Amino acid sequence: MAVIVVVELPGVTKEQYEENHSKIHAAPWWPVDGFVSHAGAPADNGWLVVDVWESAEAFQGFMEKAGPTFQEVGMPQVQPKIYEAVHVDIGS
């Protein structure tokens, strides 16, 4: 079942987000299986990330690969909110 993953990153700057995003996309394992979509936006106290994954297991697999990059860039360790998706529509 597809999932929506919401991550609030307090204290994260646009520069940290952009650095992390660039490093993930440059990794030899990217794109990772099960990835559907990603959006990042500034939030009141940091940064907000919303992803869609084919499954919770696909997201966990990504986290295992991306964890070292998150630490290297200084991302805070936070607990993502994971929701089962009812509909996932791509494009127009």
PDB file of N, CA and C in Angstrom:
ATOM      1  N   MET A   1       0.839  -1.174   0.000  1.00  0.00           N
ATOM      2  CA  MET A   1       0.000   0.000   0.000  1.00  0.00           C
ATOM      3  C   MET A   1       0.886   1.240   0.000  1.00  0.00           C
ATOM      4  N   ALA A   2       0.574   2.205  -0.842  1.00  0.00           N
ATOM      5  CA  ALA A   2       1.327   3.453  -0.911  1.00  0.00           C
ATOM      6  C   ALA A   2       1.168   4.227   0.390  1.00  0.00           C
ATOM      7  N   VAL A   3       2.228   4.971   0.727  1.00  0.00           N
ATOM      8  CA  VAL A   3       2.200   5.785   1.945  1.00  0.00           C
ATOM      9  C   VAL A   3       2.646   7.210   1.642  1.00  0.00           C
ATOM     10  N   ILE A   4       2.133   8.123   2.454  1.00  0.00           N
ATOM     11  CA  ILE A   4       2.551   9.517   2.448  1.00  0.00           C
ATOM     12  C   ILE A   4       3.401   9.705   3.688  1.00  0.00           C
ATOM     13  N   VAL A   5       4.588  10.256   3.514  1.00  0.00           N
ATOM     14  CA  VAL A   5       5.511  10.462   4.621  1.00  0.00           C
ATOM     15  C   VAL A   5       5.696  11.968   4.803  1.00  0.00           C
ATOM     16  N   VAL A   6       5.395  12.447   6.007  1.00  0.00           N
ATOM     17  CA  VAL A   6       5.532  13.866   6.326  1.00  0.00           C
ATOM     18  C   VAL A   6       6.628  14.004   7.380  1.00  0.00           C
ATOM     19  N   VAL A   7       7.619  14.852   7.073  1.00  0.00           N
ATOM     20  CA  VAL A   7       8.747  15.041   7.981  1.00  0.00           C
ATOM     21  C   VAL A   7       8.897  16.532   8.266  1.00  0.00           C
ATOM     22  N   GLU A   8       8.781  16.899   9.532  1.00  0.00           N
ATOM     23  CA  GLU A   8       9.030  18.270   9.960  1.00  0.00           C
ATOM     24  C   GLU A   8      10.453  18.335  10.501  1.00  0.00           C
ATOM     25  N   LEU A   9      11.249  19.256   9.957  1.00  0.00           N
ATOM     26  CA  LEU A   9      12.668  19.354  10.292  1.00  0.00           C
ATOM     27  C   LEU A   9      12.948  20.700  10.964  1.00  0.00           C
ATOM     28  N   PRO A  10      12.798  20.756  12.278  1.00  0.00           N
ATOM     29  CA  PRO A  10      13.008  22.027  12.971  1.00  0.00           C
ATOM     30  C   PRO A  10      14.451  22.494  12.871  1.00  0.00           C
ATOM     31  N   GLY A  11      14.606  23.795  12.630  1.00  0.00           N
ATOM     32  CA  GLY A  11      15.932  24.393  12.584  1.00  0.00           C
ATOM     33  C   GLY A  11      16.699  24.187  11.294  1.00  0.00           C
ATOM     34  N   VAL A  12      16.155  23.410  10.352  1.00  0.00           N
ATOM     35  CA  VAL A  12      16.857  23.145   9.098  1.00  0.00           C
ATOM     36  C   VAL A  12      16.711  24.353   8.170  1.00  0.00           C
ATOM     37  N   THR A  13      17.823  24.748   7.565  1.00  0.00           N
ATOM     38  CA  THR A  13      17.827  25.870   6.639  1.00  0.00           C
ATOM     39  C   THR A  13      17.635  25.390   5.204  1.00  0.00           C
ATOM     40  N   LYS A  14      17.330  26.336   4.327  1.00  0.00           N
ATOM     41  CA  LYS A  14      17.214  26.001   2.904  1.00  0.00           C
ATOM     42  C   LYS A  14      18.535  25.441   2.395  1.00  0.00           C
ATOM     43  N   GLU A  15      19.645  25.994   2.854  1.00  0.00           N
ATOM     44  CA  GLU A  15      20.951  25.525   2.413  1.00  0.00           C
ATOM     45  C   GLU A  15      21.195  24.074   2.821  1.00  0.00           C
ATOM     46  N   GLN A  16      20.837  23.712   4.057  1.00  0.00           N
ATOM     47  CA  GLN A  16      20.988  22.323   4.508  1.00  0.00           C
ATOM     48  C   GLN A  16      20.101  21.394   3.679  1.00  0.00           C
ATOM     49  N   TYR A  17      18.867  21.817   3.469  1.00  0.00           N
ATOM     50  CA  TYR A  17      17.937  21.012   2.677  1.00  0.00           C
ATOM     51  C   TYR A  17      18.490  20.795   1.269  1.00  0.00           C
ATOM     52  N   GLU A  18      18.939  21.880   0.622  1.00  0.00           N
ATOM     53  CA  GLU A  18      19.456  21.786  -0.741  1.00  0.00           C
ATOM     54  C   GLU A  18      20.698  20.898  -0.803  1.00  0.00           C
ATOM     55  N   GLU A  19      21.597  21.019   0.180  1.00  0.00           N
ATOM     56  CA  GLU A  19      22.789  20.181   0.214  1.00  0.00           C
ATOM     57  C   GLU A  19      22.406  18.709   0.350  1.00  0.00           C
ATOM     58  N   ASN A  20      21.485  18.424   1.262  1.00  0.00           N
ATOM     59  CA  ASN A  20      21.033  17.057   1.470  1.00  0.00           C
ATOM     60  C   ASN A  20      20.391  16.511   0.194  1.00  0.00           C
ATOM     61  N   HIS A  21      19.522  17.292  -0.412  1.00  0.00           N
ATOM     62  CA  HIS A  21      18.821  16.879  -1.629  1.00  0.00           C
ATOM     63  C   HIS A  21      19.825  16.558  -2.739  1.00  0.00           C
ATOM     64  N   SER A  22      20.824  17.420  -2.912  1.00  0.00           N
ATOM     65  CA  SER A  22      21.846  17.200  -3.939  1.00  0.00           C
ATOM     66  C   SER A  22      22.647  15.932  -3.681  1.00  0.00           C
ATOM     67  N   LYS A  23      23.033  15.706  -2.430  1.00  0.00           N
ATOM     68  CA  LYS A  23      23.832  14.517  -2.098  1.00  0.00           C
ATOM     69  C   LYS A  23      23.034  13.234  -2.301  1.00  0.00           C
ATOM     70  N   ILE A  24      21.756  13.256  -1.936  1.00  0.00           N
ATOM     71  CA  ILE A  24      20.908  12.074  -2.134  1.00  0.00           C
ATOM     72  C   ILE A  24      20.814  11.757  -3.625  1.00  0.00           C
ATOM     73  N   HIS A  25      20.562  12.784  -4.441  1.00  0.00           N
ATOM     74  CA  HIS A  25      20.390  12.561  -5.875  1.00  0.00           C
ATOM     75  C   HIS A  25      21.699  12.206  -6.581  1.00  0.00           C
ATOM     76  N   ALA A  26      22.819  12.471  -5.951  1.00  0.00           N
ATOM     77  CA  ALA A  26      24.119  12.098  -6.522  1.00  0.00           C
ATOM     78  C   ALA A  26      24.584  10.717  -6.054  1.00  0.00           C
ATOM     79  N   ALA A  27      23.885  10.124  -5.105  1.00  0.00           N
ATOM     80  CA  ALA A  27      24.282   8.823  -4.550  1.00  0.00           C
ATOM     81  C   ALA A  27      24.160   7.736  -5.614  1.00  0.00           C
ATOM     82  N   PRO A  28      25.051   6.753  -5.595  1.00  0.00           N
ATOM     83  CA  PRO A  28      25.008   5.686  -6.599  1.00  0.00           C
ATOM     84  C   PRO A  28      23.749   4.816  -6.515  1.00  0.00           C
ATOM     85  N   TRP A  29      23.066   4.830  -5.384  1.00  0.00           N
ATOM     86  CA  TRP A  29      21.869   4.009  -5.216  1.00  0.00           C
ATOM     87  C   TRP A  29      20.584   4.766  -5.588  1.00  0.00           C
ATOM     88  N   TRP A  30      20.712   6.042  -5.958  1.00  0.00           N
ATOM     89  CA  TRP A  30      19.525   6.833  -6.321  1.00  0.00           C
ATOM     90  C   TRP A  30      19.268   6.694  -7.821  1.00  0.00           C
ATOM     91  N   PRO A  31      18.034   6.567  -8.282  1.00  0.00           N
ATOM     92  CA  PRO A  31      16.793   6.532  -7.516  1.00  0.00           C
ATOM     93  C   PRO A  31      16.588   5.171  -6.872  1.00  0.00           C
ATOM     94  N   VAL A  32      15.995   5.187  -5.719  1.00  0.00           N
ATOM     95  CA  VAL A  32      15.771   3.977  -4.950  1.00  0.00           C
ATOM     96  C   VAL A  32      14.403   3.393  -5.325  1.00  0.00           C
ATOM     97  N   ASP A  33      14.300   2.068  -5.262  1.00  0.00           N
ATOM     98  CA  ASP A  33      13.032   1.393  -5.574  1.00  0.00           C
ATOM     99  C   ASP A  33      11.924   1.880  -4.646  1.00  0.00           C
ATOM    100  N   GLY A  34      10.766   2.080  -5.216  1.00  0.00           N
ATOM    101  CA  GLY A  34       9.591   2.428  -4.432  1.00  0.00           C
ATOM    102  C   GLY A  34       9.338   3.911  -4.274  1.00  0.00           C
ATOM    103  N   PHE A  35      10.257   4.758  -4.771  1.00  0.00           N
ATOM    104  CA  PHE A  35      10.065   6.200  -4.676  1.00  0.00           C
ATOM    105  C   PHE A  35       9.028   6.647  -5.691  1.00  0.00           C
ATOM    106  N   VAL A  36       8.093   7.517  -5.248  1.00  0.00           N
ATOM    107  CA  VAL A  36       7.066   8.042  -6.143  1.00  0.00           C
ATOM    108  C   VAL A  36       7.222   9.544  -6.334  1.00  0.00           C
ATOM    109  N   SER A  37       7.250  10.311  -5.234  1.00  0.00           N
ATOM    110  CA  SER A  37       7.367  11.764  -5.372  1.00  0.00           C
ATOM    111  C   SER A  37       7.916  12.395  -4.104  1.00  0.00           C
ATOM    112  N   HIS A  38       8.395  13.634  -4.262  1.00  0.00           N
ATOM    113  CA  HIS A  38       8.995  14.372  -3.151  1.00  0.00           C
ATOM    114  C   HIS A  38       8.680  15.853  -3.310  1.00  0.00           C
ATOM    115  N   ALA A  39       8.435  16.521  -2.187  1.00  0.00           N
ATOM    116  CA  ALA A  39       8.315  17.985  -2.170  1.00  0.00           C
ATOM    117  C   ALA A  39       8.894  18.480  -0.859  1.00  0.00           C
ATOM    118  N   GLY A  40       9.609  19.592  -0.939  1.00  0.00           N
ATOM    119  CA  GLY A  40      10.155  20.232   0.250  1.00  0.00           C
ATOM    120  C   GLY A  40       9.732  21.687   0.256  1.00  0.00           C
ATOM    121  N   ALA A  41       9.541  22.241   1.450  1.00  0.00           N
ATOM    122  CA  ALA A  41       9.102  23.638   1.551  1.00  0.00           C
ATOM    123  C   ALA A  41       9.567  24.227   2.872  1.00  0.00           C
ATOM    124  N   PRO A  42       9.818  25.551   2.883  1.00  0.00           N
ATOM    125  CA  PRO A  42      10.125  26.190   4.153  1.00  0.00           C
ATOM    126  C   PRO A  42       8.907  26.120   5.073  1.00  0.00           C
ATOM    127  N   ALA A  43       9.172  25.950   6.353  1.00  0.00           N
ATOM    128  CA  ALA A  43       8.109  25.896   7.357  1.00  0.00           C
ATOM    129  C   ALA A  43       8.405  26.948   8.421  1.00  0.00           C
ATOM    130  N   ASP A  44       7.477  27.136   9.335  1.00  0.00           N
ATOM    131  CA  ASP A  44       7.623  28.166  10.363  1.00  0.00           C
ATOM    132  C   ASP A  44       8.937  28.069  11.118  1.00  0.00           C
ATOM    133  N   ASN A  45       9.335  26.862  11.496  1.00  0.00           N
ATOM    134  CA  ASN A  45      10.530  26.699  12.331  1.00  0.00           C
ATOM    135  C   ASN A  45      11.622  25.881  11.673  1.00  0.00           C
ATOM    136  N   GLY A  46      11.604  25.775  10.348  1.00  0.00           N
ATOM    137  CA  GLY A  46      12.608  24.970   9.682  1.00  0.00           C
ATOM    138  C   GLY A  46      12.175  24.590   8.284  1.00  0.00           C
ATOM    139  N   TRP A  47      12.051  23.279   8.060  1.00  0.00           N
ATOM    140  CA  TRP A  47      11.748  22.770   6.725  1.00  0.00           C
ATOM    141  C   TRP A  47      10.740  21.648   6.816  1.00  0.00           C
ATOM    142  N   LEU A  48       9.920  21.497   5.783  1.00  0.00           N
ATOM    143  CA  LEU A  48       8.894  20.459   5.716  1.00  0.00           C
ATOM    144  C   LEU A  48       9.139  19.621   4.471  1.00  0.00           C
ATOM    145  N   VAL A  49       9.061  18.299   4.616  1.00  0.00           N
ATOM    146  CA  VAL A  49       9.221  17.374   3.498  1.00  0.00           C
ATOM    147  C   VAL A  49       7.997  16.474   3.450  1.00  0.00           C
ATOM    148  N   VAL A  50       7.466  16.293   2.237  1.00  0.00           N
ATOM    149  CA  VAL A  50       6.334  15.385   2.019  1.00  0.00           C
ATOM    150  C   VAL A  50       6.714  14.470   0.861  1.00  0.00           C
ATOM    151  N   ASP A  51       6.743  13.176   1.130  1.00  0.00           N
ATOM    152  CA  ASP A  51       7.078  12.173   0.115  1.00  0.00           C
ATOM    153  C   ASP A  51       5.915  11.216  -0.066  1.00  0.00           C
ATOM    154  N   VAL A  52       5.885  10.593  -1.233  1.00  0.00           N
ATOM    155  CA  VAL A  52       4.994   9.459  -1.476  1.00  0.00           C
ATOM    156  C   VAL A  52       5.879   8.285  -1.865  1.00  0.00           C
ATOM    157  N   TRP A  53       5.620   7.144  -1.226  1.00  0.00           N
ATOM    158  CA  TRP A  53       6.365   5.907  -1.467  1.00  0.00           C
ATOM    159  C   TRP A  53       5.390   4.794  -1.803  1.00  0.00           C
ATOM    160  N   GLU A  54       5.849   3.819  -2.568  1.00  0.00           N
ATOM    161  CA  GLU A  54       4.994   2.687  -2.919  1.00  0.00           C
ATOM    162  C   GLU A  54       4.573   1.880  -1.701  1.00  0.00           C
ATOM    163  N   SER A  55       5.409   1.916  -0.648  1.00  0.00           N
ATOM    164  CA  SER A  55       5.098   1.174   0.580  1.00  0.00           C
ATOM    165  C   SER A  55       5.934   1.718   1.727  1.00  0.00           C
ATOM    166  N   ALA A  56       5.529   1.394   2.935  1.00  0.00           N
ATOM    167  CA  ALA A  56       6.318   1.768   4.117  1.00  0.00           C
ATOM    168  C   ALA A  56       7.676   1.075   4.078  1.00  0.00           C
ATOM    169  N   GLU A  57       7.724  -0.138   3.555  1.00  0.00           N
ATOM    170  CA  GLU A  57       8.985  -0.873   3.454  1.00  0.00           C
ATOM    171  C   GLU A  57       9.954  -0.175   2.494  1.00  0.00           C
ATOM    172  N   ALA A  58       9.427   0.364   1.397  1.00  0.00           N
ATOM    173  CA  ALA A  58      10.284   1.097   0.457  1.00  0.00           C
ATOM    174  C   ALA A  58      10.868   2.332   1.135  1.00  0.00           C
ATOM    175  N   PHE A  59      10.055   3.029   1.920  1.00  0.00           N
ATOM    176  CA  PHE A  59      10.553   4.194   2.640  1.00  0.00           C
ATOM    177  C   PHE A  59      11.631   3.790   3.636  1.00  0.00           C
ATOM    178  N   GLN A  60      11.428   2.710   4.359  1.00  0.00           N
ATOM    179  CA  GLN A  60      12.427   2.251   5.331  1.00  0.00           C
ATOM    180  C   GLN A  60      13.735   1.876   4.635  1.00  0.00           C
ATOM    181  N   GLY A  61      13.644   1.265   3.458  1.00  0.00           N
ATOM    182  CA  GLY A  61      14.844   0.938   2.695  1.00  0.00           C
ATOM    183  C   GLY A  61      15.610   2.191   2.301  1.00  0.00           C
ATOM    184  N   PHE A  62      14.886   3.228   1.911  1.00  0.00           N
ATOM    185  CA  PHE A  62      15.516   4.508   1.598  1.00  0.00           C
ATOM    186  C   PHE A  62      16.208   5.084   2.821  1.00  0.00           C
ATOM    187  N   MET A  63      15.534   5.048   3.958  1.00  0.00           N
ATOM    188  CA  MET A  63      16.103   5.610   5.184  1.00  0.00           C
ATOM    189  C   MET A  63      17.406   4.918   5.565  1.00  0.00           C
ATOM    190  N   GLU A  64      17.473   3.613   5.374  1.00  0.00           N
ATOM    191  CA  GLU A  64      18.703   2.881   5.685  1.00  0.00           C
ATOM    192  C   GLU A  64      19.860   3.364   4.810  1.00  0.00           C
ATOM    193  N   LYS A  65      19.581   3.655   3.536  1.00  0.00           N
ATOM    194  CA  LYS A  65      20.628   4.120   2.626  1.00  0.00           C
ATOM    195  C   LYS A  65      20.959   5.594   2.855  1.00  0.00           C
ATOM    196  N   ALA A  66      19.959   6.407   3.143  1.00  0.00           N
ATOM    197  CA  ALA A  66      20.143   7.863   3.232  1.00  0.00           C
ATOM    198  C   ALA A  66      20.584   8.336   4.610  1.00  0.00           C
ATOM    199  N   GLY A  67      20.447   7.510   5.634  1.00  0.00           N
ATOM    200  CA  GLY A  67      20.785   7.913   6.999  1.00  0.00           C
ATOM    201  C   GLY A  67      22.146   8.561   7.156  1.00  0.00           C
ATOM    202  N   PRO A  68      23.209   7.971   6.609  1.00  0.00           N
ATOM    203  CA  PRO A  68      24.529   8.601   6.744  1.00  0.00           C
ATOM    204  C   PRO A  68      24.589   9.999   6.119  1.00  0.00           C
ATOM    205  N   THR A  69      23.904  10.192   5.007  1.00  0.00           N
ATOM    206  CA  THR A  69      23.883  11.512   4.377  1.00  0.00           C
ATOM    207  C   THR A  69      23.165  12.515   5.269  1.00  0.00           C
ATOM    208  N   PHE A  70      22.048  12.104   5.853  1.00  0.00           N
ATOM    209  CA  PHE A  70      21.327  13.003   6.761  1.00  0.00           C
ATOM    210  C   PHE A  70      22.223  13.441   7.917  1.00  0.00           C
ATOM    211  N   GLN A  71      22.967  12.504   8.472  1.00  0.00           N
ATOM    212  CA  GLN A  71      23.863  12.832   9.586  1.00  0.00           C
ATOM    213  C   GLN A  71      24.980  13.766   9.131  1.00  0.00           C
ATOM    214  N   GLU A  72      25.547  13.495   7.963  1.00  0.00           N
ATOM    215  CA  GLU A  72      26.648  14.299   7.432  1.00  0.00           C
ATOM    216  C   GLU A  72      26.234  15.763   7.244  1.00  0.00           C
ATOM    217  N   VAL A  73      25.010  15.985   6.800  1.00  0.00           N
ATOM    218  CA  VAL A  73      24.518  17.335   6.530  1.00  0.00           C
ATOM    219  C   VAL A  73      24.009  18.013   7.802  1.00  0.00           C
ATOM    220  N   GLY A  74      23.803  17.239   8.859  1.00  0.00           N
ATOM    221  CA  GLY A  74      23.344  17.811  10.124  1.00  0.00           C
ATOM    222  C   GLY A  74      21.841  17.875  10.268  1.00  0.00           C
ATOM    223  N   MET A  75      21.130  16.989   9.580  1.00  0.00           N
ATOM    224  CA  MET A  75      19.681  16.950   9.724  1.00  0.00           C
ATOM    225  C   MET A  75      19.323  16.428  11.117  1.00  0.00           C
ATOM    226  N   PRO A  76      18.311  17.013  11.745  1.00  0.00           N
ATOM    227  CA  PRO A  76      17.905  16.506  13.057  1.00  0.00           C
ATOM    228  C   PRO A  76      17.261  15.129  12.932  1.00  0.00           C
ATOM    229  N   GLN A  77      17.398  14.327  13.961  1.00  0.00           N
ATOM    230  CA  GLN A  77      16.741  13.023  13.985  1.00  0.00           C
ATOM    231  C   GLN A  77      15.317  13.230  14.470  1.00  0.00           C
ATOM    232  N   VAL A  78      14.378  13.018  13.573  1.00  0.00           N
ATOM    233  CA  VAL A  78      12.963  13.214  13.895  1.00  0.00           C
ATOM    234  C   VAL A  78      12.189  11.974  13.477  1.00  0.00           C
ATOM    235  N   GLN A  79      11.025  11.826  14.058  1.00  0.00           N
ATOM    236  CA  GLN A  79      10.154  10.703  13.713  1.00  0.00           C
ATOM    237  C   GLN A  79       9.182  11.142  12.620  1.00  0.00           C
ATOM    238  N   PRO A  80       9.273  10.560  11.430  1.00  0.00           N
ATOM    239  CA  PRO A  80       8.332  10.943  10.371  1.00  0.00           C
ATOM    240  C   PRO A  80       6.926  10.458  10.687  1.00  0.00           C
ATOM    241  N   LYS A  81       5.948  11.161  10.157  1.00  0.00           N
ATOM    242  CA  LYS A  81       4.552  10.727  10.244  1.00  0.00           C
ATOM    243  C   LYS A  81       4.242   9.997   8.950  1.00  0.00           C
ATOM    244  N   ILE A  82       3.710   8.781   9.078  1.00  0.00           N
ATOM    245  CA  ILE A  82       3.437   7.953   7.908  1.00  0.00           C
ATOM    246  C   ILE A  82       1.941   7.668   7.854  1.00  0.00           C
ATOM    247  N   TYR A  83       1.358   7.940   6.689  1.00  0.00           N
ATOM    248  CA  TYR A  83      -0.080   7.761   6.479  1.00  0.00           C
ATOM    249  C   TYR A  83      -0.305   6.850   5.281  1.00  0.00           C
ATOM    250  N   GLU A  84      -1.287   5.963   5.370  1.00  0.00           N
ATOM    251  CA  GLU A  84      -1.649   5.161   4.209  1.00  0.00           C
ATOM    252  C   GLU A  84      -2.328   6.069   3.194  1.00  0.00           C
ATOM    253  N   ALA A  85      -1.888   5.978   1.941  1.00  0.00           N
ATOM    254  CA  ALA A  85      -2.464   6.814   0.895  1.00  0.00           C
ATOM    255  C   ALA A  85      -3.737   6.155   0.349  1.00  0.00           C
ATOM    256  N   VAL A  86      -4.745   6.961   0.128  1.00  0.00           N
ATOM    257  CA  VAL A  86      -5.992   6.457  -0.461  1.00  0.00           C
ATOM    258  C   VAL A  86      -5.913   6.529  -1.976  1.00  0.00           C
ATOM    259  N   HIS A  87      -5.425   7.647  -2.488  1.00  0.00           N
ATOM    260  CA  HIS A  87      -5.233   7.805  -3.931  1.00  0.00           C
ATOM    261  C   HIS A  87      -3.857   8.428  -4.154  1.00  0.00           C
ATOM    262  N   VAL A  88      -3.181   7.977  -5.191  1.00  0.00           N
ATOM    263  CA  VAL A  88      -1.935   8.594  -5.617  1.00  0.00           C
ATOM    264  C   VAL A  88      -2.088   8.859  -7.118  1.00  0.00           C
ATOM    265  N   ASP A  89      -2.259  10.118  -7.456  1.00  0.00           N
ATOM    266  CA  ASP A  89      -2.406  10.522  -8.857  1.00  0.00           C
ATOM    267  C   ASP A  89      -1.147  11.273  -9.261  1.00  0.00           C
ATOM    268  N   ILE A  90      -0.584  10.905 -10.388  1.00  0.00           N
ATOM    269  CA  ILE A  90       0.628  11.538 -10.888  1.00  0.00           C
ATOM    270  C   ILE A  90       0.290  12.254 -12.195  1.00  0.00           C
ATOM    271  N   GLY A  91       0.747  13.481 -12.315  1.00  0.00           N
ATOM    272  CA  GLY A  91       0.536  14.239 -13.546  1.00  0.00           C
ATOM    273  C   GLY A  91      -0.832  14.854 -13.634  1.00  0.00           C
ATOM    274  N   SER A  92      -1.144  15.295 -14.835  1.00  0.00           N
ATOM    275  CA  SER A  92      -2.427  15.998 -15.021  1.00  0.00           C
ATOM    276  C   SER A  92      -3.516  15.113 -15.558  1.00  0.00           C
TER     277      SER A  92
END
